[in-house]
């Protein structure tokens, strides 16, 4: 199915800002954004690719740093929810535009069950999100309520690109408007990598 017009317009807007390869005028001939019930908004390659070809190169919509030791200790109060909540402390909220915050909530897959849970004020994770908002001033500045923070954390959980094998690549951890749309395969025929160039 096709992507709704307003969503397609948002993707078009981010192409020039984030995608380095292919060029914006060639992107639609190489990659197609689709929407399905099972995968939400996803991306497929439209042309043949040879070994060693770059499919896409892009900057992240937002970077997510590893929480500091003190932040990790503070998250221990949440028990098993701590790792899920950690990305909320790893985003530079103060420097993030409303456009970026909206894209983080609107352009990424979120499981329908999580959308339902996000609206439940009795959900333990939603309550933990409210505690974070109440105690972390940069989160208060987002203007988000606990359900939006919960949704954001779920989106990060499903869409993050992170290299756990190389500590030097921790600086590249983030969510990517286009790269995060490729579906996972247990037998992949491509791989992602990080680079400063």
N, C-alpha and C. Protein backbone atom coordinates (compact mmCIF):
# COMPACT_ATOMS: atom_id res chain seq x y z
N UNK A 1 0.84 -1.19 0.00
CA UNK A 1 0.00 0.00 0.00
C UNK A 1 0.88 1.24 0.00
N UNK A 2 0.32 2.31 -0.46
CA UNK A 2 1.10 3.54 -0.51
C UNK A 2 1.08 4.23 0.86
N UNK A 3 2.05 5.07 1.06
CA UNK A 3 2.18 5.83 2.29
C UNK A 3 1.26 7.04 2.19
N UNK A 4 0.56 7.41 3.27
CA UNK A 4 -0.31 8.59 3.22
C UNK A 4 0.46 9.84 2.76
N UNK A 5 -0.22 10.73 2.07
CA UNK A 5 0.44 11.90 1.47
C UNK A 5 1.20 12.74 2.49
N UNK A 6 0.60 12.98 3.67
CA UNK A 6 1.29 13.81 4.65
C UNK A 6 2.56 13.13 5.16
N UNK A 7 2.53 11.80 5.30
CA UNK A 7 3.72 11.06 5.72
C UNK A 7 4.76 11.08 4.62
N UNK A 8 4.34 10.90 3.38
CA UNK A 8 5.27 10.95 2.24
C UNK A 8 5.94 12.32 2.17
N UNK A 9 5.18 13.38 2.43
CA UNK A 9 5.75 14.73 2.40
C UNK A 9 6.80 14.90 3.49
N UNK A 10 6.57 14.30 4.66
CA UNK A 10 7.56 14.38 5.73
C UNK A 10 8.85 13.65 5.33
N UNK A 11 8.70 12.47 4.71
CA UNK A 11 9.89 11.75 4.25
C UNK A 11 10.65 12.58 3.22
N UNK A 12 9.93 13.16 2.27
CA UNK A 12 10.57 14.00 1.25
C UNK A 12 11.35 15.14 1.89
N UNK A 13 10.79 15.71 2.93
CA UNK A 13 11.43 16.82 3.62
C UNK A 13 12.76 16.41 4.26
N UNK A 14 12.81 15.18 4.77
CA UNK A 14 14.02 14.71 5.45
C UNK A 14 15.09 14.22 4.48
N UNK A 15 14.73 13.90 3.25
CA UNK A 15 15.71 13.38 2.28
C UNK A 15 16.88 14.34 2.13
N UNK A 16 16.58 15.60 1.83
CA UNK A 16 17.65 16.56 1.61
C UNK A 16 18.47 16.86 2.84
N UNK A 17 17.85 16.68 3.99
CA UNK A 17 18.54 16.99 5.24
C UNK A 17 19.42 15.84 5.75
N UNK A 18 19.03 14.61 5.52
CA UNK A 18 19.71 13.48 6.16
C UNK A 18 20.40 12.51 5.20
N UNK A 19 19.88 12.34 3.99
CA UNK A 19 20.42 11.32 3.09
C UNK A 19 21.63 11.86 2.33
N UNK A 20 22.73 11.10 2.39
CA UNK A 20 23.95 11.48 1.67
C UNK A 20 24.11 10.68 0.37
N UNK A 21 23.54 9.48 0.33
CA UNK A 21 23.59 8.63 -0.86
C UNK A 21 22.37 7.75 -0.85
N UNK A 22 21.70 7.55 -1.94
CA UNK A 22 21.84 8.21 -3.23
C UNK A 22 21.37 9.66 -3.15
N UNK A 23 21.62 10.40 -4.19
CA UNK A 23 21.21 11.80 -4.23
C UNK A 23 19.68 11.87 -4.16
N UNK A 24 19.14 12.96 -3.64
CA UNK A 24 17.68 13.07 -3.53
C UNK A 24 16.93 12.80 -4.83
N UNK A 25 17.49 13.22 -5.97
CA UNK A 25 16.79 12.99 -7.24
C UNK A 25 16.81 11.53 -7.68
N UNK A 26 17.71 10.73 -7.11
CA UNK A 26 17.79 9.31 -7.47
C UNK A 26 17.21 8.37 -6.41
N UNK A 27 16.90 8.92 -5.25
CA UNK A 27 16.44 8.08 -4.15
C UNK A 27 15.20 7.27 -4.51
N UNK A 28 14.21 7.89 -5.12
CA UNK A 28 12.96 7.17 -5.41
C UNK A 28 13.14 6.09 -6.48
N UNK A 29 14.18 6.20 -7.31
CA UNK A 29 14.41 5.14 -8.28
C UNK A 29 15.14 3.96 -7.65
N UNK A 30 15.76 4.18 -6.49
CA UNK A 30 16.51 3.11 -5.81
C UNK A 30 15.73 2.48 -4.65
N UNK A 31 14.98 3.29 -3.94
CA UNK A 31 14.30 2.83 -2.73
C UNK A 31 12.83 3.21 -2.77
N UNK A 32 12.01 2.34 -2.21
CA UNK A 32 10.57 2.61 -2.17
C UNK A 32 10.09 2.49 -0.73
N UNK A 33 9.36 3.51 -0.28
CA UNK A 33 8.73 3.48 1.04
C UNK A 33 7.33 2.90 0.85
N UNK A 34 7.03 1.87 1.65
CA UNK A 34 5.71 1.22 1.59
C UNK A 34 5.09 1.21 2.99
N UNK A 35 3.81 0.92 3.02
CA UNK A 35 3.11 0.76 4.29
C UNK A 35 2.34 -0.54 4.25
N UNK A 36 2.48 -1.32 5.33
CA UNK A 36 1.74 -2.58 5.43
C UNK A 36 1.27 -2.77 6.87
N UNK A 37 0.27 -3.60 7.05
CA UNK A 37 -0.23 -3.89 8.40
C UNK A 37 0.86 -4.55 9.25
N UNK A 38 1.57 -5.49 8.67
CA UNK A 38 2.56 -6.26 9.43
C UNK A 38 3.81 -5.46 9.78
N UNK A 39 4.28 -4.61 8.86
CA UNK A 39 5.55 -3.93 9.05
C UNK A 39 5.44 -2.43 9.24
N UNK A 40 4.25 -1.89 9.16
CA UNK A 40 4.12 -0.45 9.22
C UNK A 40 4.77 0.17 7.99
N UNK A 41 5.38 1.33 8.16
CA UNK A 41 6.10 1.97 7.07
C UNK A 41 7.45 1.29 6.96
N UNK A 42 7.76 0.77 5.77
CA UNK A 42 9.02 0.05 5.57
C UNK A 42 9.60 0.42 4.22
N UNK A 43 10.82 -0.05 3.99
CA UNK A 43 11.54 0.35 2.79
C UNK A 43 12.05 -0.88 2.06
N UNK A 44 11.98 -0.83 0.74
CA UNK A 44 12.50 -1.92 -0.09
C UNK A 44 13.39 -1.34 -1.19
N UNK A 45 14.35 -2.13 -1.58
CA UNK A 45 15.25 -1.76 -2.67
C UNK A 45 14.52 -1.97 -3.99
N UNK A 46 14.61 -1.02 -4.91
CA UNK A 46 13.91 -1.10 -6.19
C UNK A 46 14.81 -1.52 -7.34
N UNK A 47 16.10 -1.53 -7.14
CA UNK A 47 17.01 -1.89 -8.23
C UNK A 47 17.98 -2.95 -7.74
N UNK A 48 18.63 -3.62 -8.67
CA UNK A 48 19.55 -4.67 -8.26
C UNK A 48 20.80 -4.06 -7.65
N UNK A 49 21.33 -4.80 -6.70
CA UNK A 49 22.48 -4.35 -5.94
C UNK A 49 23.57 -5.41 -6.05
N UNK A 50 24.77 -4.97 -6.27
CA UNK A 50 25.91 -5.88 -6.34
C UNK A 50 26.64 -5.88 -5.00
N UNK A 51 27.38 -6.93 -4.72
CA UNK A 51 28.18 -7.01 -3.50
C UNK A 51 29.08 -5.78 -3.41
N UNK A 52 29.09 -5.15 -2.26
CA UNK A 52 29.91 -3.97 -2.05
C UNK A 52 29.21 -2.65 -2.35
N UNK A 53 28.04 -2.69 -2.99
CA UNK A 53 27.30 -1.45 -3.28
C UNK A 53 26.77 -0.83 -1.99
N UNK A 54 26.75 0.48 -1.95
CA UNK A 54 26.10 1.20 -0.85
C UNK A 54 24.64 1.38 -1.24
N UNK A 55 23.75 0.96 -0.36
CA UNK A 55 22.32 1.10 -0.62
C UNK A 55 21.85 2.49 -0.20
N UNK A 56 22.25 2.89 0.99
CA UNK A 56 21.89 4.23 1.48
C UNK A 56 22.95 4.66 2.49
N UNK A 57 23.20 5.95 2.51
CA UNK A 57 24.07 6.57 3.51
C UNK A 57 23.32 7.77 4.05
N UNK A 58 23.14 7.80 5.35
CA UNK A 58 22.38 8.90 5.93
C UNK A 58 22.86 9.23 7.34
N UNK A 59 22.58 10.46 7.73
CA UNK A 59 22.83 10.90 9.09
C UNK A 59 21.61 10.53 9.93
N UNK A 60 21.80 10.29 11.23
CA UNK A 60 20.65 9.91 12.05
C UNK A 60 19.68 11.08 12.25
N UNK A 61 18.42 10.73 12.43
CA UNK A 61 17.44 11.74 12.82
C UNK A 61 17.84 12.29 14.18
N UNK A 62 18.19 11.38 15.07
CA UNK A 62 18.69 11.78 16.38
C UNK A 62 19.66 10.73 16.90
N UNK A 63 20.64 11.21 17.63
CA UNK A 63 21.63 10.33 18.25
C UNK A 63 21.19 10.01 19.67
N UNK A 64 21.57 8.84 20.11
CA UNK A 64 21.23 8.42 21.47
C UNK A 64 22.52 7.93 22.13
N UNK A 65 23.02 8.72 23.07
CA UNK A 65 24.26 8.34 23.75
C UNK A 65 23.95 7.33 24.85
N UNK A 66 24.99 6.64 25.27
CA UNK A 66 24.85 5.73 26.41
C UNK A 66 24.69 6.59 27.67
N UNK A 67 23.78 6.22 28.55
CA UNK A 67 23.65 6.98 29.81
C UNK A 67 24.95 6.89 30.62
N UNK A 68 25.20 7.93 31.39
CA UNK A 68 26.38 7.94 32.27
C UNK A 68 26.19 6.90 33.38
N UNK A 69 27.27 6.65 34.09
CA UNK A 69 27.21 5.70 35.21
C UNK A 69 26.18 6.19 36.25
N UNK A 70 26.18 7.48 36.54
CA UNK A 70 25.23 8.04 37.51
C UNK A 70 23.79 7.88 37.02
N UNK A 71 23.57 8.10 35.71
CA UNK A 71 22.23 7.94 35.16
C UNK A 71 21.78 6.48 35.23
N UNK A 72 22.70 5.56 34.95
CA UNK A 72 22.36 4.13 35.03
C UNK A 72 22.02 3.74 36.47
N UNK A 73 22.74 4.29 37.44
CA UNK A 73 22.43 4.01 38.84
C UNK A 73 21.05 4.54 39.19
N UNK A 74 20.72 5.73 38.70
CA UNK A 74 19.39 6.31 38.95
C UNK A 74 18.29 5.45 38.33
N UNK A 75 18.57 4.83 37.18
CA UNK A 75 17.58 3.99 36.53
C UNK A 75 17.36 2.66 37.24
N UNK A 76 18.27 2.28 38.12
CA UNK A 76 18.12 1.01 38.84
C UNK A 76 16.84 0.97 39.67
N UNK A 77 16.34 2.11 40.06
CA UNK A 77 15.10 2.15 40.85
C UNK A 77 13.92 1.58 40.07
N UNK A 78 14.05 1.54 38.73
CA UNK A 78 12.98 1.03 37.89
C UNK A 78 13.12 -0.46 37.60
N UNK A 79 14.14 -1.11 38.15
CA UNK A 79 14.33 -2.54 37.96
C UNK A 79 14.50 -2.91 36.49
N UNK A 80 13.74 -3.92 36.06
CA UNK A 80 13.89 -4.41 34.68
C UNK A 80 13.47 -3.40 33.62
N UNK A 81 12.79 -2.33 34.00
CA UNK A 81 12.41 -1.29 33.04
C UNK A 81 13.57 -0.33 32.74
N UNK A 82 14.61 -0.34 33.56
CA UNK A 82 15.73 0.58 33.41
C UNK A 82 16.32 0.63 32.00
N UNK A 83 16.68 -0.51 31.41
CA UNK A 83 17.24 -0.47 30.06
C UNK A 83 16.28 0.10 29.01
N UNK A 84 14.99 -0.17 29.16
CA UNK A 84 14.00 0.38 28.23
C UNK A 84 13.93 1.91 28.36
N UNK A 85 14.05 2.41 29.58
CA UNK A 85 13.94 3.84 29.85
C UNK A 85 15.23 4.61 29.53
N UNK A 86 16.35 3.92 29.48
CA UNK A 86 17.67 4.56 29.34
C UNK A 86 17.78 5.53 28.16
N UNK A 87 17.25 5.22 26.97
CA UNK A 87 17.39 6.17 25.87
C UNK A 87 16.78 7.54 26.15
N UNK A 88 15.82 7.63 27.06
CA UNK A 88 15.23 8.93 27.40
C UNK A 88 16.28 9.86 27.99
N UNK A 89 17.31 9.29 28.62
CA UNK A 89 18.38 10.09 29.21
C UNK A 89 19.53 10.31 28.25
N UNK A 90 19.52 9.62 27.12
CA UNK A 90 20.64 9.68 26.18
C UNK A 90 20.42 10.60 24.99
N UNK A 91 19.33 11.36 25.00
CA UNK A 91 19.03 12.25 23.88
C UNK A 91 19.28 13.70 24.30
N UNK A 92 19.85 14.47 23.43
CA UNK A 92 20.09 15.90 23.70
C UNK A 92 18.79 16.68 23.45
N UNK A 93 17.85 16.54 24.37
CA UNK A 93 16.52 17.13 24.20
C UNK A 93 16.58 18.64 24.03
N UNK A 94 17.52 19.29 24.73
CA UNK A 94 17.60 20.76 24.70
C UNK A 94 17.84 21.30 23.30
N UNK A 95 18.55 20.53 22.48
CA UNK A 95 18.90 21.03 21.14
C UNK A 95 18.03 20.43 20.03
N UNK A 96 17.02 19.68 20.41
CA UNK A 96 16.18 19.03 19.41
C UNK A 96 15.00 19.91 19.01
N UNK A 97 14.81 20.05 17.72
CA UNK A 97 13.69 20.86 17.21
C UNK A 97 12.37 20.11 17.36
N UNK A 98 11.28 20.86 17.34
CA UNK A 98 9.95 20.24 17.36
C UNK A 98 9.76 19.35 16.14
N UNK A 99 10.31 19.78 15.00
CA UNK A 99 10.21 18.98 13.78
C UNK A 99 10.83 17.60 13.98
N UNK A 100 11.99 17.55 14.63
CA UNK A 100 12.66 16.27 14.87
C UNK A 100 11.87 15.42 15.86
N UNK A 101 11.37 16.05 16.93
CA UNK A 101 10.57 15.30 17.91
C UNK A 101 9.32 14.71 17.25
N UNK A 102 8.66 15.50 16.41
CA UNK A 102 7.47 15.00 15.73
C UNK A 102 7.81 13.85 14.79
N UNK A 103 8.92 13.98 14.06
CA UNK A 103 9.33 12.91 13.15
C UNK A 103 9.63 11.63 13.92
N UNK A 104 10.24 11.76 15.09
CA UNK A 104 10.55 10.57 15.90
C UNK A 104 9.28 9.83 16.29
N UNK A 105 8.19 10.55 16.50
CA UNK A 105 6.93 9.91 16.89
C UNK A 105 6.08 9.47 15.70
N UNK A 106 6.25 10.12 14.55
CA UNK A 106 5.33 9.88 13.43
C UNK A 106 5.89 9.04 12.29
N UNK A 107 7.20 8.96 12.14
CA UNK A 107 7.76 8.31 10.95
C UNK A 107 8.34 6.92 11.20
N UNK A 108 8.12 6.36 12.37
CA UNK A 108 8.70 5.07 12.70
C UNK A 108 7.62 4.08 13.12
N UNK A 109 7.92 2.80 12.95
CA UNK A 109 6.97 1.75 13.29
C UNK A 109 6.79 1.67 14.80
N UNK A 110 5.56 1.57 15.22
CA UNK A 110 5.20 1.29 16.61
C UNK A 110 4.15 0.19 16.56
N UNK A 111 4.35 -0.82 17.35
CA UNK A 111 3.40 -1.94 17.37
C UNK A 111 2.04 -1.44 17.86
N UNK A 112 0.95 -1.83 17.19
CA UNK A 112 -0.39 -1.38 17.59
C UNK A 112 -0.72 -1.65 19.06
N UNK A 113 -0.25 -2.76 19.59
CA UNK A 113 -0.50 -3.06 21.01
C UNK A 113 0.17 -2.01 21.91
N UNK A 114 1.35 -1.55 21.50
CA UNK A 114 2.04 -0.52 22.29
C UNK A 114 1.32 0.81 22.22
N UNK A 115 0.68 1.09 21.10
CA UNK A 115 -0.12 2.31 21.01
C UNK A 115 -1.26 2.26 22.01
N UNK A 116 -1.86 1.09 22.17
CA UNK A 116 -2.94 0.93 23.16
C UNK A 116 -2.39 1.09 24.57
N UNK A 117 -1.26 0.44 24.85
CA UNK A 117 -0.67 0.51 26.19
C UNK A 117 -0.24 1.93 26.56
N UNK A 118 0.20 2.70 25.57
CA UNK A 118 0.67 4.06 25.83
C UNK A 118 -0.44 4.93 26.40
N UNK A 119 -1.68 4.62 26.07
CA UNK A 119 -2.81 5.43 26.56
C UNK A 119 -3.36 4.93 27.89
N UNK A 120 -2.74 3.92 28.47
CA UNK A 120 -3.21 3.36 29.75
C UNK A 120 -2.42 3.97 30.90
N UNK A 121 -3.01 4.89 31.67
CA UNK A 121 -2.27 5.53 32.76
C UNK A 121 -1.88 4.56 33.88
N UNK A 122 -2.48 3.38 33.91
CA UNK A 122 -2.15 2.38 34.93
C UNK A 122 -1.01 1.45 34.51
N UNK A 123 -0.56 1.60 33.27
CA UNK A 123 0.55 0.79 32.78
C UNK A 123 1.82 1.16 33.56
N UNK A 124 2.52 0.15 34.07
CA UNK A 124 3.70 0.38 34.91
C UNK A 124 4.78 1.17 34.17
N UNK A 125 4.97 0.90 32.89
CA UNK A 125 6.00 1.60 32.14
C UNK A 125 5.59 3.06 31.88
N UNK A 126 4.32 3.30 31.62
CA UNK A 126 3.83 4.68 31.45
C UNK A 126 4.04 5.44 32.76
N UNK A 127 3.78 4.80 33.88
CA UNK A 127 4.00 5.44 35.18
C UNK A 127 5.48 5.76 35.40
N UNK A 128 6.36 4.85 35.00
CA UNK A 128 7.80 5.08 35.11
C UNK A 128 8.21 6.27 34.22
N UNK A 129 7.61 6.37 33.05
CA UNK A 129 7.88 7.51 32.16
C UNK A 129 7.48 8.82 32.83
N UNK A 130 6.36 8.80 33.54
CA UNK A 130 5.92 10.02 34.23
C UNK A 130 6.91 10.41 35.32
N UNK A 131 7.43 9.42 36.05
CA UNK A 131 8.43 9.70 37.08
C UNK A 131 9.68 10.33 36.45
N UNK A 132 10.10 9.80 35.29
CA UNK A 132 11.25 10.39 34.60
C UNK A 132 10.97 11.85 34.22
N UNK A 133 9.82 12.09 33.63
CA UNK A 133 9.46 13.46 33.23
C UNK A 133 9.47 14.39 34.45
N UNK A 134 8.92 13.91 35.55
CA UNK A 134 8.85 14.74 36.76
C UNK A 134 10.22 15.07 37.32
N UNK A 135 11.22 14.22 37.04
CA UNK A 135 12.53 14.38 37.66
C UNK A 135 13.67 14.78 36.73
N UNK A 136 13.40 14.86 35.44
CA UNK A 136 14.46 15.18 34.47
C UNK A 136 14.03 16.43 33.69
N UNK A 137 14.58 17.61 34.05
CA UNK A 137 14.15 18.85 33.40
C UNK A 137 14.19 18.84 31.86
N UNK A 138 15.22 18.27 31.21
CA UNK A 138 15.17 18.26 29.74
C UNK A 138 13.96 17.50 29.18
N UNK A 139 13.50 16.47 29.88
CA UNK A 139 12.31 15.75 29.43
C UNK A 139 11.07 16.62 29.60
N UNK A 140 11.03 17.42 30.65
CA UNK A 140 9.91 18.34 30.85
C UNK A 140 9.83 19.33 29.70
N UNK A 141 10.99 19.74 29.20
CA UNK A 141 11.04 20.73 28.12
C UNK A 141 10.51 20.20 26.80
N UNK A 142 10.40 18.86 26.67
CA UNK A 142 9.86 18.32 25.42
C UNK A 142 8.39 18.66 25.24
N UNK A 143 7.69 18.87 26.36
CA UNK A 143 6.25 19.11 26.30
C UNK A 143 5.46 17.81 26.16
N UNK A 144 6.17 16.67 26.23
CA UNK A 144 5.51 15.37 26.11
C UNK A 144 4.92 14.94 27.44
N UNK A 145 3.81 14.21 27.35
CA UNK A 145 3.29 13.54 28.54
C UNK A 145 3.89 12.13 28.58
N UNK A 146 3.54 11.38 29.61
CA UNK A 146 4.13 10.05 29.80
C UNK A 146 3.82 9.11 28.65
N UNK A 147 2.63 9.24 28.05
CA UNK A 147 2.27 8.32 26.95
C UNK A 147 3.14 8.59 25.72
N UNK A 148 3.47 9.86 25.45
CA UNK A 148 4.34 10.15 24.30
C UNK A 148 5.76 9.67 24.56
N UNK A 149 6.25 9.84 25.79
CA UNK A 149 7.60 9.35 26.09
C UNK A 149 7.64 7.83 25.97
N UNK A 150 6.60 7.15 26.46
CA UNK A 150 6.51 5.69 26.33
C UNK A 150 6.55 5.29 24.86
N UNK A 151 5.77 5.98 24.03
CA UNK A 151 5.73 5.68 22.60
C UNK A 151 7.11 5.90 21.98
N UNK A 152 7.76 7.03 22.32
CA UNK A 152 9.11 7.30 21.81
C UNK A 152 10.07 6.17 22.18
N UNK A 153 10.05 5.74 23.43
CA UNK A 153 10.97 4.68 23.88
C UNK A 153 10.69 3.36 23.17
N UNK A 154 9.43 3.07 22.92
CA UNK A 154 9.08 1.87 22.16
C UNK A 154 9.62 1.97 20.73
N UNK A 155 9.44 3.14 20.12
CA UNK A 155 9.95 3.35 18.76
C UNK A 155 11.46 3.18 18.72
N UNK A 156 12.17 3.75 19.69
CA UNK A 156 13.63 3.58 19.76
C UNK A 156 13.96 2.11 19.91
N UNK A 157 13.25 1.41 20.78
CA UNK A 157 13.52 -0.01 21.02
C UNK A 157 13.43 -0.83 19.73
N UNK A 158 12.48 -0.50 18.86
CA UNK A 158 12.28 -1.25 17.62
C UNK A 158 13.16 -0.76 16.47
N UNK A 159 13.56 0.51 16.48
CA UNK A 159 14.17 1.11 15.30
C UNK A 159 15.62 1.55 15.46
N UNK A 160 16.20 1.36 16.62
CA UNK A 160 17.55 1.86 16.87
C UNK A 160 18.59 1.09 16.05
N UNK A 161 19.60 1.80 15.61
CA UNK A 161 20.78 1.18 15.00
C UNK A 161 21.93 1.45 15.95
N UNK A 162 22.53 0.36 16.41
CA UNK A 162 23.55 0.45 17.44
C UNK A 162 24.56 -0.66 17.20
N UNK A 163 25.82 -0.32 17.36
CA UNK A 163 26.89 -1.31 17.22
C UNK A 163 27.40 -1.66 18.61
N UNK A 164 26.92 -2.77 19.16
CA UNK A 164 27.33 -3.20 20.49
C UNK A 164 28.72 -3.85 20.51
N UNK A 165 29.24 -4.13 19.33
CA UNK A 165 30.51 -4.86 19.27
C UNK A 165 31.73 -3.95 19.29
N UNK A 166 31.58 -2.69 18.90
CA UNK A 166 32.71 -1.76 18.85
C UNK A 166 32.40 -0.52 19.67
N UNK A 167 33.11 -0.36 20.78
CA UNK A 167 32.86 0.78 21.67
C UNK A 167 33.04 2.11 20.93
N UNK A 168 33.96 2.16 19.99
CA UNK A 168 34.21 3.40 19.24
C UNK A 168 33.00 3.83 18.42
N UNK A 169 32.09 2.92 18.14
CA UNK A 169 30.91 3.25 17.34
C UNK A 169 29.72 3.71 18.18
N UNK A 170 29.89 3.78 19.50
CA UNK A 170 28.78 4.20 20.37
C UNK A 170 28.27 5.58 19.99
N UNK A 171 29.16 6.44 19.48
CA UNK A 171 28.76 7.80 19.10
C UNK A 171 27.78 7.84 17.93
N UNK A 172 27.67 6.74 17.20
CA UNK A 172 26.80 6.71 16.03
C UNK A 172 25.40 6.14 16.33
N UNK A 173 25.16 5.68 17.53
CA UNK A 173 23.88 5.09 17.88
C UNK A 173 22.76 6.10 17.66
N UNK A 174 21.68 5.65 17.01
CA UNK A 174 20.55 6.54 16.80
C UNK A 174 19.44 5.89 16.01
N UNK A 175 18.45 6.71 15.67
CA UNK A 175 17.40 6.24 14.77
C UNK A 175 17.54 7.03 13.47
N UNK A 176 17.32 6.32 12.37
CA UNK A 176 17.54 6.85 11.03
C UNK A 176 16.23 6.83 10.26
N UNK A 177 15.86 7.96 9.69
CA UNK A 177 14.57 8.08 9.01
C UNK A 177 14.40 6.99 7.96
N UNK A 178 15.42 6.73 7.16
CA UNK A 178 15.31 5.75 6.08
C UNK A 178 15.95 4.41 6.44
N UNK A 179 17.14 4.42 6.99
CA UNK A 179 17.84 3.18 7.32
C UNK A 179 17.09 2.33 8.32
N UNK A 180 16.31 2.95 9.19
CA UNK A 180 15.53 2.20 10.18
C UNK A 180 14.30 1.54 9.57
N UNK A 181 14.06 1.76 8.30
CA UNK A 181 12.86 1.19 7.65
C UNK A 181 13.10 -0.15 6.98
N UNK A 182 14.35 -0.58 6.89
CA UNK A 182 14.60 -1.88 6.28
C UNK A 182 14.20 -2.98 7.25
N UNK A 183 13.50 -3.98 6.77
CA UNK A 183 13.06 -5.08 7.62
C UNK A 183 14.23 -5.99 7.96
N UNK A 184 14.16 -6.56 9.14
CA UNK A 184 15.19 -7.48 9.61
C UNK A 184 15.07 -8.82 8.89
N UNK A 185 16.19 -9.44 8.66
CA UNK A 185 16.20 -10.79 8.10
C UNK A 185 17.17 -11.64 8.91
N UNK A 186 16.78 -12.86 9.21
CA UNK A 186 17.68 -13.77 9.91
C UNK A 186 18.78 -14.28 8.98
N UNK A 187 18.59 -14.11 7.69
CA UNK A 187 19.61 -14.46 6.70
C UNK A 187 19.81 -13.24 5.81
N UNK A 188 20.43 -12.18 6.35
CA UNK A 188 20.53 -10.93 5.60
C UNK A 188 21.42 -11.02 4.37
N UNK A 189 21.08 -10.23 3.38
CA UNK A 189 21.91 -10.13 2.19
C UNK A 189 22.57 -8.76 2.10
N UNK A 190 22.47 -8.00 3.20
CA UNK A 190 23.17 -6.72 3.29
C UNK A 190 23.49 -6.46 4.77
N UNK A 191 24.32 -5.47 5.02
CA UNK A 191 24.73 -5.15 6.38
C UNK A 191 24.82 -3.64 6.53
N UNK A 192 24.71 -3.15 7.73
CA UNK A 192 24.87 -1.73 7.98
C UNK A 192 26.18 -1.50 8.70
N UNK A 193 26.70 -0.30 8.54
CA UNK A 193 27.95 0.06 9.22
C UNK A 193 27.95 1.55 9.49
N UNK A 194 28.86 2.00 10.36
CA UNK A 194 28.97 3.41 10.72
C UNK A 194 30.26 3.97 10.20
N UNK A 195 30.24 5.26 9.86
CA UNK A 195 31.43 5.92 9.35
C UNK A 195 31.31 7.41 9.58
N UNK A 196 32.45 8.08 9.78
CA UNK A 196 32.42 9.53 9.94
C UNK A 196 32.47 10.25 8.61
N UNK A 197 32.72 9.53 7.53
CA UNK A 197 32.81 10.19 6.22
C UNK A 197 31.49 10.30 5.53
